PDB file of N, CA and C in Angstrom:
ATOM      1  N   LEU A   1       0.815  -1.197   0.000  1.00  0.00           N
ATOM      2  CA  LEU A   1       0.000   0.000   0.000  1.00  0.00           C
ATOM      3  C   LEU A   1       0.855   1.256   0.000  1.00  0.00           C
ATOM      4  N   ALA A   2       1.937   1.243   0.741  1.00  0.00           N
ATOM      5  CA  ALA A   2       2.802   2.419   0.792  1.00  0.00           C
ATOM      6  C   ALA A   2       3.382   2.713  -0.583  1.00  0.00           C
ATOM      7  N   ASP A   3       3.823   1.679  -1.274  1.00  0.00           N
ATOM      8  CA  ASP A   3       4.367   1.883  -2.620  1.00  0.00           C
ATOM      9  C   ASP A   3       3.298   2.414  -3.575  1.00  0.00           C
ATOM     10  N   GLU A   4       2.094   1.861  -3.477  1.00  0.00           N
ATOM     11  CA  GLU A   4       1.006   2.299  -4.342  1.00  0.00           C
ATOM     12  C   GLU A   4       0.612   3.737  -4.047  1.00  0.00           C
ATOM     13  N   SER A   5       0.721   4.163  -2.790  1.00  0.00           N
ATOM     14  CA  SER A   5       0.324   5.525  -2.434  1.00  0.00           C
ATOM     15  C   SER A   5       1.229   6.556  -3.093  1.00  0.00           C
ATOM     16  N   ASN A   6       2.459   6.183  -3.399  1.00  0.00           N
ATOM     17  CA  ASN A   6       3.375   7.109  -4.063  1.00  0.00           C
ATOM     18  C   ASN A   6       2.906   7.460  -5.468  1.00  0.00           C
ATOM     19  N   ALA A   7       2.099   6.612  -6.073  1.00  0.00           N
ATOM     20  CA  ALA A   7       1.606   6.862  -7.433  1.00  0.00           C
ATOM     21  C   ALA A   7       0.385   7.784  -7.436  1.00  0.00           C
ATOM     22  N   LEU A   8      -0.170   8.071  -6.263  1.00  0.00           N
ATOM     23  CA  LEU A   8      -1.349   8.925  -6.167  1.00  0.00           C
ATOM     24  C   LEU A   8      -0.936  10.382  -6.051  1.00  0.00           C
ATOM     25  N   ASN A   9      -1.769  11.268  -6.549  1.00  0.00           N
ATOM     26  CA  ASN A   9      -1.508  12.702  -6.451  1.00  0.00           C
ATOM     27  C   ASN A   9      -1.987  13.195  -5.096  1.00  0.00           C
ATOM     28  N   SER A  10      -1.062  13.570  -4.235  1.00  0.00           N
ATOM     29  CA  SER A  10      -1.404  13.987  -2.885  1.00  0.00           C
ATOM     30  C   SER A  10      -2.212  15.287  -2.855  1.00  0.00           C
ATOM     31  N   LYS A  11      -2.251  16.018  -3.950  1.00  0.00           N
ATOM     32  CA  LYS A  11      -3.006  17.268  -3.986  1.00  0.00           C
ATOM     33  C   LYS A  11      -4.508  17.051  -3.926  1.00  0.00           C
ATOM     34  N   ILE A  12      -4.980  15.824  -4.152  1.00  0.00           N
ATOM     35  CA  ILE A  12      -6.426  15.620  -4.068  1.00  0.00           C
ATOM     36  C   ILE A  12      -6.833  14.983  -2.748  1.00  0.00           C
ATOM     37  N   PHE A  13      -5.886  14.714  -1.871  1.00  0.00           N
ATOM     38  CA  PHE A  13      -6.218  14.077  -0.609  1.00  0.00           C
ATOM     39  C   PHE A  13      -6.709  15.081   0.428  1.00  0.00           C
ATOM     40  N   SER A  14      -7.904  15.580   0.181  1.00  0.00           N
ATOM     41  CA  SER A  14      -8.632  16.377   1.161  1.00  0.00           C
ATOM     42  C   SER A  14     -10.096  16.043   0.951  1.00  0.00           C
ATOM     43  N   LEU A  15     -10.865  16.099   2.000  1.00  0.00           N
ATOM     44  CA  LEU A  15     -12.271  15.740   1.890  1.00  0.00           C
ATOM     45  C   LEU A  15     -12.995  16.608   0.857  1.00  0.00           C
ATOM     46  N   PRO A  16     -12.815  17.943   0.871  1.00  0.00           N
ATOM     47  CA  PRO A  16     -13.521  18.735  -0.152  1.00  0.00           C
ATOM     48  C   PRO A  16     -13.145  18.345  -1.572  1.00  0.00           C
ATOM     49  N   ARG A  17     -11.881  18.081  -1.843  1.00  0.00           N
ATOM     50  CA  ARG A  17     -11.469  17.731  -3.209  1.00  0.00           C
ATOM     51  C   ARG A  17     -12.014  16.376  -3.623  1.00  0.00           C
ATOM     52  N   LEU A  18     -11.996  15.426  -2.710  1.00  0.00           N
ATOM     53  CA  LEU A  18     -12.548  14.107  -3.031  1.00  0.00           C
ATOM     54  C   LEU A  18     -14.059  14.196  -3.250  1.00  0.00           C
ATOM     55  N   LEU A  19     -14.742  15.013  -2.442  1.00  0.00           N
ATOM     56  CA  LEU A  19     -16.182  15.198  -2.630  1.00  0.00           C
ATOM     57  C   LEU A  19     -16.475  15.856  -3.977  1.00  0.00           C
ATOM     58  N   LEU A  20     -15.697  16.871  -4.324  1.00  0.00           N
ATOM     59  CA  LEU A  20     -15.891  17.545  -5.604  1.00  0.00           C
ATOM     60  C   LEU A  20     -15.671  16.599  -6.776  1.00  0.00           C
ATOM     61  N   LEU A  21     -14.560  15.879  -6.751  1.00  0.00           N
ATOM     62  CA  LEU A  21     -14.301  14.939  -7.849  1.00  0.00           C
ATOM     63  C   LEU A  21     -15.374  13.870  -7.928  1.00  0.00           C
ATOM     64  N   SER A  22     -15.812  13.372  -6.792  1.00  0.00           N
ATOM     65  CA  SER A  22     -16.851  12.337  -6.781  1.00  0.00           C
ATOM     66  C   SER A  22     -18.163  12.871  -7.340  1.00  0.00           C
ATOM     67  N   ALA A  23     -18.531  14.095  -6.953  1.00  0.00           N
ATOM     68  CA  ALA A  23     -19.773  14.693  -7.452  1.00  0.00           C
ATOM     69  C   ALA A  23     -19.689  14.909  -8.960  1.00  0.00           C
ATOM     70  N   LEU A  24     -18.574  15.423  -9.432  1.00  0.00           N
ATOM     71  CA  LEU A  24     -18.412  15.659 -10.861  1.00  0.00           C
ATOM     72  C   LEU A  24     -18.324  14.357 -11.650  1.00  0.00           C
ATOM     73  N   ASP A  25     -17.758  13.338 -11.026  1.00  0.00           N
ATOM     74  CA  ASP A  25     -17.630  12.033 -11.687  1.00  0.00           C
ATOM     75  C   ASP A  25     -19.000  11.382 -11.905  1.00  0.00           C
ATOM     76  N   GLU A  26     -19.995  11.767 -11.126  1.00  0.00           N
ATOM     77  CA  GLU A  26     -21.348  11.216 -11.277  1.00  0.00           C
ATOM     78  C   GLU A  26     -22.029  11.718 -12.546  1.00  0.00           C
ATOM     79  N   LEU A  27     -21.547  12.833 -13.076  1.00  0.00           N
ATOM     80  CA  LEU A  27     -22.151  13.404 -14.283  1.00  0.00           C
ATOM     81  C   LEU A  27     -21.707  12.609 -15.515  1.00  0.00           C
ATOM     82  N   PRO A  28     -22.578  12.507 -16.500  1.00  0.00           N
ATOM     83  CA  PRO A  28     -22.161  11.875 -17.750  1.00  0.00           C
ATOM     84  C   PRO A  28     -21.003  12.655 -18.367  1.00  0.00           C
ATOM     85  N   GLU A  29     -20.147  11.965 -19.084  1.00  0.00           N
ATOM     86  CA  GLU A  29     -18.997  12.622 -19.716  1.00  0.00           C
ATOM     87  C   GLU A  29     -19.476  13.766 -20.601  1.00  0.00           C
ATOM     88  N   GLY A  30     -18.824  14.902 -20.436  1.00  0.00           N
ATOM     89  CA  GLY A  30     -19.171  16.084 -21.218  1.00  0.00           C
ATOM     90  C   GLY A  30     -20.158  17.010 -20.532  1.00  0.00           C
ATOM     91  N   ASP A  31     -20.852  16.525 -19.498  1.00  0.00           N
ATOM     92  CA  ASP A  31     -21.795  17.365 -18.766  1.00  0.00           C
ATOM     93  C   ASP A  31     -21.076  18.110 -17.651  1.00  0.00           C
ATOM     94  N   GLY A  32     -21.669  19.210 -17.229  1.00  0.00           N
ATOM     95  CA  GLY A  32     -21.095  20.004 -16.153  1.00  0.00           C
ATOM     96  C   GLY A  32     -22.173  20.444 -15.182  1.00  0.00           C
ATOM     97  N   ILE A  33     -21.729  21.134 -14.152  1.00  0.00           N
ATOM     98  CA  ILE A  33     -22.609  21.615 -13.103  1.00  0.00           C
ATOM     99  C   ILE A  33     -22.115  22.996 -12.682  1.00  0.00           C
ATOM    100  N   THR A  34     -23.026  23.861 -12.326  1.00  0.00           N
ATOM    101  CA  THR A  34     -22.633  25.227 -11.975  1.00  0.00           C
ATOM    102  C   THR A  34     -22.052  25.287 -10.568  1.00  0.00           C
ATOM    103  N   TYR A  35     -21.313  26.352 -10.357  1.00  0.00           N
ATOM    104  CA  TYR A  35     -20.728  26.613  -9.035  1.00  0.00           C
ATOM    105  C   TYR A  35     -21.830  26.583  -7.970  1.00  0.00           C
ATOM    106  N   ARG A  36     -22.918  27.265  -8.249  1.00  0.00           N
ATOM    107  CA  ARG A  36     -24.024  27.351  -7.289  1.00  0.00           C
ATOM    108  C   ARG A  36     -24.580  25.962  -6.966  1.00  0.00           C
ATOM    109  N   GLU A  37     -24.740  25.142  -8.003  1.00  0.00           N
ATOM    110  CA  GLU A  37     -25.263  23.788  -7.787  1.00  0.00           C
ATOM    111  C   GLU A  37     -24.295  22.957  -6.945  1.00  0.00           C
ATOM    112  N   LEU A  38     -22.992  23.090  -7.220  1.00  0.00           N
ATOM    113  CA  LEU A  38     -21.989  22.381  -6.406  1.00  0.00           C
ATOM    114  C   LEU A  38     -22.042  22.848  -4.960  1.00  0.00           C
ATOM    115  N   ARG A  39     -22.051  24.158  -4.775  1.00  0.00           N
ATOM    116  CA  ARG A  39     -22.064  24.728  -3.423  1.00  0.00           C
ATOM    117  C   ARG A  39     -23.280  24.242  -2.643  1.00  0.00           C
ATOM    118  N   ASP A  40     -24.435  24.338  -3.257  1.00  0.00           N
ATOM    119  CA  ASP A  40     -25.660  23.954  -2.567  1.00  0.00           C
ATOM    120  C   ASP A  40     -25.752  22.447  -2.351  1.00  0.00           C
ATOM    121  N   GLY A  41     -25.360  21.680  -3.369  1.00  0.00           N
ATOM    122  CA  GLY A  41     -25.439  20.219  -3.266  1.00  0.00           C
ATOM    123  C   GLY A  41     -24.475  19.630  -2.247  1.00  0.00           C
ATOM    124  N   LEU A  42     -23.270  20.200  -2.182  1.00  0.00           N
ATOM    125  CA  LEU A  42     -22.254  19.688  -1.254  1.00  0.00           C
ATOM    126  C   LEU A  42     -22.238  20.437   0.070  1.00  0.00           C
ATOM    127  N   LYS A  43     -23.043  21.517   0.144  1.00  0.00           N
ATOM    128  CA  LYS A  43     -23.131  22.331   1.362  1.00  0.00           C
ATOM    129  C   LYS A  43     -21.758  22.845   1.798  1.00  0.00           C
ATOM    130  N   MET A  44     -21.020  23.377   0.816  1.00  0.00           N
ATOM    131  CA  MET A  44     -19.685  23.924   1.078  1.00  0.00           C
ATOM    132  C   MET A  44     -19.747  25.436   1.108  1.00  0.00           C
ATOM    133  N   ARG A  45     -18.959  26.018   1.972  1.00  0.00           N
ATOM    134  CA  ARG A  45     -18.820  27.473   1.996  1.00  0.00           C
ATOM    135  C   ARG A  45     -18.053  27.910   0.753  1.00  0.00           C
ATOM    136  N   ASP A  46     -18.317  29.128   0.316  1.00  0.00           N
ATOM    137  CA  ASP A  46     -17.700  29.652  -0.903  1.00  0.00           C
ATOM    138  C   ASP A  46     -16.179  29.576  -0.887  1.00  0.00           C
ATOM    139  N   GLY A  47     -15.551  29.967   0.213  1.00  0.00           N
ATOM    140  CA  GLY A  47     -14.090  29.954   0.280  1.00  0.00           C
ATOM    141  C   GLY A  47     -13.505  28.568   0.084  1.00  0.00           C
ATOM    142  N   ILE A  48     -14.108  27.597   0.732  1.00  0.00           N
ATOM    143  CA  ILE A  48     -13.636  26.209   0.619  1.00  0.00           C
ATOM    144  C   ILE A  48     -13.864  25.697  -0.802  1.00  0.00           C
ATOM    145  N   LEU A  49     -15.041  25.954  -1.336  1.00  0.00           N
ATOM    146  CA  LEU A  49     -15.371  25.474  -2.675  1.00  0.00           C
ATOM    147  C   LEU A  49     -14.453  26.103  -3.719  1.00  0.00           C
ATOM    148  N   PHE A  50     -14.322  27.415  -3.684  1.00  0.00           N
ATOM    149  CA  PHE A  50     -13.508  28.107  -4.684  1.00  0.00           C
ATOM    150  C   PHE A  50     -12.053  27.651  -4.632  1.00  0.00           C
ATOM    151  N   THR A  51     -11.476  27.616  -3.440  1.00  0.00           N
ATOM    152  CA  THR A  51     -10.073  27.227  -3.282  1.00  0.00           C
ATOM    153  C   THR A  51      -9.822  25.824  -3.806  1.00  0.00           C
ATOM    154  N   ASN A  52     -10.705  24.901  -3.481  1.00  0.00           N
ATOM    155  CA  ASN A  52     -10.508  23.510  -3.896  1.00  0.00           C
ATOM    156  C   ASN A  52     -10.783  23.302  -5.376  1.00  0.00           C
ATOM    157  N   LEU A  53     -11.741  24.021  -5.935  1.00  0.00           N
ATOM    158  CA  LEU A  53     -11.949  23.947  -7.381  1.00  0.00           C
ATOM    159  C   LEU A  53     -10.725  24.481  -8.127  1.00  0.00           C
ATOM    160  N   GLU A  54     -10.148  25.563  -7.639  1.00  0.00           N
ATOM    161  CA  GLU A  54      -8.958  26.119  -8.278  1.00  0.00           C
ATOM    162  C   GLU A  54      -7.792  25.132  -8.240  1.00  0.00           C
ATOM    163  N   THR A  55      -7.606  24.467  -7.117  1.00  0.00           N
ATOM    164  CA  THR A  55      -6.547  23.466  -7.009  1.00  0.00           C
ATOM    165  C   THR A  55      -6.781  22.330  -8.002  1.00  0.00           C
ATOM    166  N   LEU A  56      -8.009  21.859  -8.088  1.00  0.00           N
ATOM    167  CA  LEU A  56      -8.327  20.780  -9.023  1.00  0.00           C
ATOM    168  C   LEU A  56      -8.175  21.224 -10.469  1.00  0.00           C
ATOM    169  N   LYS A  57      -8.464  22.476 -10.759  1.00  0.00           N
ATOM    170  CA  LYS A  57      -8.252  22.993 -12.113  1.00  0.00           C
ATOM    171  C   LYS A  57      -6.757  23.034 -12.430  1.00  0.00           C
ATOM    172  N   LYS A  58      -5.945  23.457 -11.476  1.00  0.00           N
ATOM    173  CA  LYS A  58      -4.498  23.543 -11.702  1.00  0.00           C
ATOM    174  C   LYS A  58      -3.883  22.167 -11.933  1.00  0.00           C
ATOM    175  N   THR A  59      -4.436  21.142 -11.312  1.00  0.00           N
ATOM    176  CA  THR A  59      -3.923  19.790 -11.512  1.00  0.00           C
ATOM    177  C   THR A  59      -4.410  19.189 -12.828  1.00  0.00           C
ATOM    178  N   GLY A  60      -5.384  19.834 -13.448  1.00  0.00           N
ATOM    179  CA  GLY A  60      -5.933  19.325 -14.702  1.00  0.00           C
ATOM    180  C   GLY A  60      -7.046  18.311 -14.506  1.00  0.00           C
ATOM    181  N   TYR A  61      -7.575  18.202 -13.296  1.00  0.00           N
ATOM    182  CA  TYR A  61      -8.621  17.224 -13.015  1.00  0.00           C
ATOM    183  C   TYR A  61     -10.025  17.789 -13.210  1.00  0.00           C
ATOM    184  N   VAL A  62     -10.134  19.106 -13.215  1.00  0.00           N
ATOM    185  CA  VAL A  62     -11.418  19.785 -13.391  1.00  0.00           C
ATOM    186  C   VAL A  62     -11.217  20.903 -14.401  1.00  0.00           C
ATOM    187  N   ARG A  63     -12.223  21.147 -15.210  1.00  0.00           N
ATOM    188  CA  ARG A  63     -12.182  22.286 -16.130  1.00  0.00           C
ATOM    189  C   ARG A  63     -13.434  23.129 -15.880  1.00  0.00           C
ATOM    190  N   SER A  64     -13.336  24.389 -16.274  1.00  0.00           N
ATOM    191  CA  SER A  64     -14.483  25.281 -16.130  1.00  0.00           C
ATOM    192  C   SER A  64     -14.733  26.000 -17.434  1.00  0.00           C
ATOM    193  N   ARG A  65     -15.951  26.458 -17.589  1.00  0.00           N
ATOM    194  CA  ARG A  65     -16.292  27.263 -18.746  1.00  0.00           C
ATOM    195  C   ARG A  65     -17.467  28.157 -18.362  1.00  0.00           C
ATOM    196  N   LYS A  66     -17.559  29.284 -19.037  1.00  0.00           N
ATOM    197  CA  LYS A  66     -18.647  30.225 -18.802  1.00  0.00           C
ATOM    198  C   LYS A  66     -19.844  29.809 -19.650  1.00  0.00           C
ATOM    199  N   ILE A  67     -21.021  29.858 -19.039  1.00  0.00           N
ATOM    200  CA  ILE A  67     -22.267  29.562 -19.741  1.00  0.00           C
ATOM    201  C   ILE A  67     -23.271  30.668 -19.421  1.00  0.00           C
ATOM    202  N   ARG A  68     -24.287  30.780 -20.228  1.00  0.00           N
ATOM    203  CA  ARG A  68     -25.366  31.734 -19.969  1.00  0.00           C
ATOM    204  C   ARG A  68     -26.637  30.950 -19.667  1.00  0.00           C
ATOM    205  N   VAL A  69     -27.252  31.291 -18.543  1.00  0.00           N
ATOM    206  CA  VAL A  69     -28.508  30.674 -18.138  1.00  0.00           C
ATOM    207  C   VAL A  69     -29.473  31.804 -17.809  1.00  0.00           C
ATOM    208  N   GLU A  70     -30.553  31.874 -18.576  1.00  0.00           N
ATOM    209  CA  GLU A  70     -31.559  32.919 -18.389  1.00  0.00           C
ATOM    210  C   GLU A  70     -30.909  34.300 -18.320  1.00  0.00           C
ATOM    211  N   GLY A  71     -29.977  34.553 -19.214  1.00  0.00           N
ATOM    212  CA  GLY A  71     -29.320  35.840 -19.303  1.00  0.00           C
ATOM    213  C   GLY A  71     -28.226  36.096 -18.278  1.00  0.00           C
ATOM    214  N   GLU A  72     -27.994  35.148 -17.399  1.00  0.00           N
ATOM    215  CA  GLU A  72     -26.963  35.297 -16.367  1.00  0.00           C
ATOM    216  C   GLU A  72     -25.738  34.459 -16.742  1.00  0.00           C
ATOM    217  N   GLU A  73     -24.543  35.058 -16.606  1.00  0.00           N
ATOM    218  CA  GLU A  73     -23.313  34.322 -16.882  1.00  0.00           C
ATOM    219  C   GLU A  73     -22.906  33.535 -15.639  1.00  0.00           C
ATOM    220  N   LEU A  74     -22.769  32.238 -15.806  1.00  0.00           N
ATOM    221  CA  LEU A  74     -22.389  31.342 -14.713  1.00  0.00           C
ATOM    222  C   LEU A  74     -21.157  30.549 -15.118  1.00  0.00           C
ATOM    223  N   THR A  75     -20.493  29.996 -14.130  1.00  0.00           N
ATOM    224  CA  THR A  75     -19.363  29.111 -14.392  1.00  0.00           C
ATOM    225  C   THR A  75     -19.820  27.673 -14.181  1.00  0.00           C
ATOM    226  N   GLU A  76     -19.528  26.855 -15.178  1.00  0.00           N
ATOM    227  CA  GLU A  76     -19.873  25.431 -15.118  1.00  0.00           C
ATOM    228  C   GLU A  76     -18.587  24.630 -14.991  1.00  0.00           C
ATOM    229  N   TYR A  77     -18.618  23.610 -14.164  1.00  0.00           N
ATOM    230  CA  TYR A  77     -17.451  22.769 -13.912  1.00  0.00           C
ATOM    231  C   TYR A  77     -17.729  21.346 -14.350  1.00  0.00           C
ATOM    232  N   SER A  78     -16.684  20.697 -14.840  1.00  0.00           N
ATOM    233  CA  SER A  78     -16.783  19.283 -15.206  1.00  0.00           C
ATOM    234  C   SER A  78     -15.446  18.608 -14.910  1.00  0.00           C
ATOM    235  N   VAL A  79     -15.501  17.300 -14.771  1.00  0.00           N
ATOM    236  CA  VAL A  79     -14.296  16.523 -14.494  1.00  0.00           C
ATOM    237  C   VAL A  79     -13.632  16.171 -15.823  1.00  0.00           C
ATOM    238  N   THR A  80     -12.327  16.157 -15.833  1.00  0.00           N
ATOM    239  CA  THR A  80     -11.580  15.768 -17.025  1.00  0.00           C
ATOM    240  C   THR A  80     -11.344  14.256 -17.010  1.00  0.00           C
ATOM    241  N   ARG A  81     -10.873  13.741 -18.125  1.00  0.00           N
ATOM    242  CA  ARG A  81     -10.523  12.313 -18.194  1.00  0.00           C
ATOM    243  C   ARG A  81      -9.450  11.997 -17.144  1.00  0.00           C
ATOM    244  N   ASP A  82      -8.450  12.883 -17.004  1.00  0.00           N
ATOM    245  CA  ASP A  82      -7.405  12.675 -15.989  1.00  0.00           C
ATOM    246  C   ASP A  82      -7.999  12.669 -14.591  1.00  0.00           C
ATOM    247  N   GLY A  83      -8.974  13.523 -14.359  1.00  0.00           N
ATOM    248  CA  GLY A  83      -9.631  13.561 -13.048  1.00  0.00           C
ATOM    249  C   GLY A  83     -10.367  12.268 -12.748  1.00  0.00           C
ATOM    250  N   ARG A  84     -11.046  11.744 -13.746  1.00  0.00           N
ATOM    251  CA  ARG A  84     -11.759  10.465 -13.563  1.00  0.00           C
ATOM    252  C   ARG A  84     -10.764   9.332 -13.274  1.00  0.00           C
ATOM    253  N   GLU A  85      -9.654   9.322 -14.006  1.00  0.00           N
ATOM    254  CA  GLU A  85      -8.644   8.284 -13.802  1.00  0.00           C
ATOM    255  C   GLU A  85      -8.014   8.381 -12.411  1.00  0.00           C
ATOM    256  N   GLU A  86      -7.699   9.586 -11.989  1.00  0.00           N
ATOM    257  CA  GLU A  86      -7.094   9.758 -10.662  1.00  0.00           C
ATOM    258  C   GLU A  86      -8.068   9.351  -9.571  1.00  0.00           C
ATOM    259  N   LEU A  87      -9.338   9.689  -9.729  1.00  0.00           N
ATOM    260  CA  LEU A  87     -10.343   9.289  -8.746  1.00  0.00           C
ATOM    261  C   LEU A  87     -10.454   7.772  -8.678  1.00  0.00           C
ATOM    262  N   LYS A  88     -10.379   7.099  -9.813  1.00  0.00           N
ATOM    263  CA  LYS A  88     -10.402   5.624  -9.814  1.00  0.00           C
ATOM    264  C   LYS A  88      -9.230   5.068  -9.013  1.00  0.00           C
ATOM    265  N   LYS A  89      -8.051   5.648  -9.210  1.00  0.00           N
ATOM    266  CA  LYS A  89      -6.867   5.200  -8.456  1.00  0.00           C
ATOM    267  C   LYS A  89      -7.058   5.387  -6.964  1.00  0.00           C
ATOM    268  N   VAL A  90      -7.591   6.547  -6.594  1.00  0.00           N
ATOM    269  CA  VAL A  90      -7.799   6.845  -5.169  1.00  0.00           C
ATOM    270  C   VAL A  90      -8.820   5.885  -4.573  1.00  0.00           C
ATOM    271  N   LYS A  91      -9.908   5.641  -5.288  1.00  0.00           N
ATOM    272  CA  LYS A  91     -10.936   4.712  -4.794  1.00  0.00           C
ATOM    273  C   LYS A  91     -10.357   3.308  -4.612  1.00  0.00           C
ATOM    274  N   ALA A  92      -9.565   2.873  -5.580  1.00  0.00           N
ATOM    275  CA  ALA A  92      -8.953   1.542  -5.480  1.00  0.00           C
ATOM    276  C   ALA A  92      -7.995   1.482  -4.299  1.00  0.00           C
ATOM    277  N   TRP A  93      -7.209   2.549  -4.097  1.00  0.00           N
ATOM    278  CA  TRP A  93      -6.266   2.574  -2.987  1.00  0.00           C
ATOM    279  C   TRP A  93      -7.017   2.533  -1.663  1.00  0.00           C
ATOM    280  N   PHE A  94      -8.091   3.332  -1.534  1.00  0.00           N
ATOM    281  CA  PHE A  94      -8.877   3.323  -0.305  1.00  0.00           C
ATOM    282  C   PHE A  94      -9.531   1.964  -0.070  1.00  0.00           C
ATOM    283  N   ALA A  95     -10.006   1.327  -1.125  1.00  0.00           N
ATOM    284  CA  ALA A  95     -10.615  -0.001  -0.990  1.00  0.00           C
ATOM    285  C   ALA A  95      -9.585  -1.004  -0.482  1.00  0.00           C
ATOM    286  N   ASP A  96      -8.376  -0.943  -1.020  1.00  0.00           N
ATOM    287  CA  ASP A  96      -7.306  -1.829  -0.549  1.00  0.00           C
ATOM    288  C   ASP A  96      -6.968  -1.536   0.913  1.00  0.00           C
ATOM    289  N   TRP A  97      -6.884  -0.268   1.231  1.00  0.00           N
ATOM    290  CA  TRP A  97      -6.547   0.143   2.607  1.00  0.00           C
ATOM    291  C   TRP A  97      -7.628  -0.299   3.584  1.00  0.00           C
ATOM    292  N   ALA A  98      -8.883  -0.063   3.229  1.00  0.00           N
ATOM    293  CA  ALA A  98      -9.995  -0.420   4.113  1.00  0.00           C
ATOM    294  C   ALA A  98     -10.141  -1.931   4.239  1.00  0.00           C
ATOM    295  N   GLY A  99      -9.786  -2.650   3.179  1.00  0.00           N
ATOM    296  CA  GLY A  99      -9.906  -4.100   3.187  1.00  0.00           C
ATOM    297  C   GLY A  99      -8.748  -4.795   3.852  1.00  0.00           C
ATOM    298  N   GLY A 100      -7.742  -4.029   4.239  1.00  0.00           N
ATOM    299  CA  GLY A 100      -6.593  -4.614   4.922  1.00  0.00           C
ATOM    300  C   GLY A 100      -5.616  -5.317   4.008  1.00  0.00           C
ATOM    301  N   LYS A 101      -5.718  -5.050   2.696  1.00  0.00           N
ATOM    302  CA  LYS A 101      -4.798  -5.681   1.762  1.00  0.00           C
ATOM    303  C   LYS A 101      -3.356  -5.283   2.115  1.00  0.00           C
ATOM    304  N   ASN A 102      -2.462  -6.186   1.957  1.00  0.00           N
ATOM    305  CA  ASN A 102      -1.028  -5.952   2.247  1.00  0.00           C
ATOM    306  C   ASN A 102      -0.786  -5.657   3.708  1.00  0.00           C
ATOM    307  N   GLY A 103      -1.578  -6.167   4.554  1.00  0.00           N
ATOM    308  CA  GLY A 103      -1.246  -5.977   5.943  1.00  0.00           C
ATOM    309  C   GLY A 103      -2.408  -5.689   6.764  1.00  0.00           C
TER     310      GLY A 103
END
């Protein structure tokens, strides 16, 4: 497990980032969700949400784009292919850890 953990990106090991990636991973590929929907759905404060979305964008796991909804400009977020792959690795690592594999 220790060796496998070295292959994981430690920048996503925080509860808000894992929650964000998991929520975005639930969307069909190519679909996105607005900042407001993420905030309300995950019940995150703006500072926590914004900071963690920015970190995930910098890692290339999340992308954003501007959209117009009823004349209002909003930011929509979606998970990238790299983000989905990294989340799979993290889930597998946690499953191994929780299952007591390798010790």
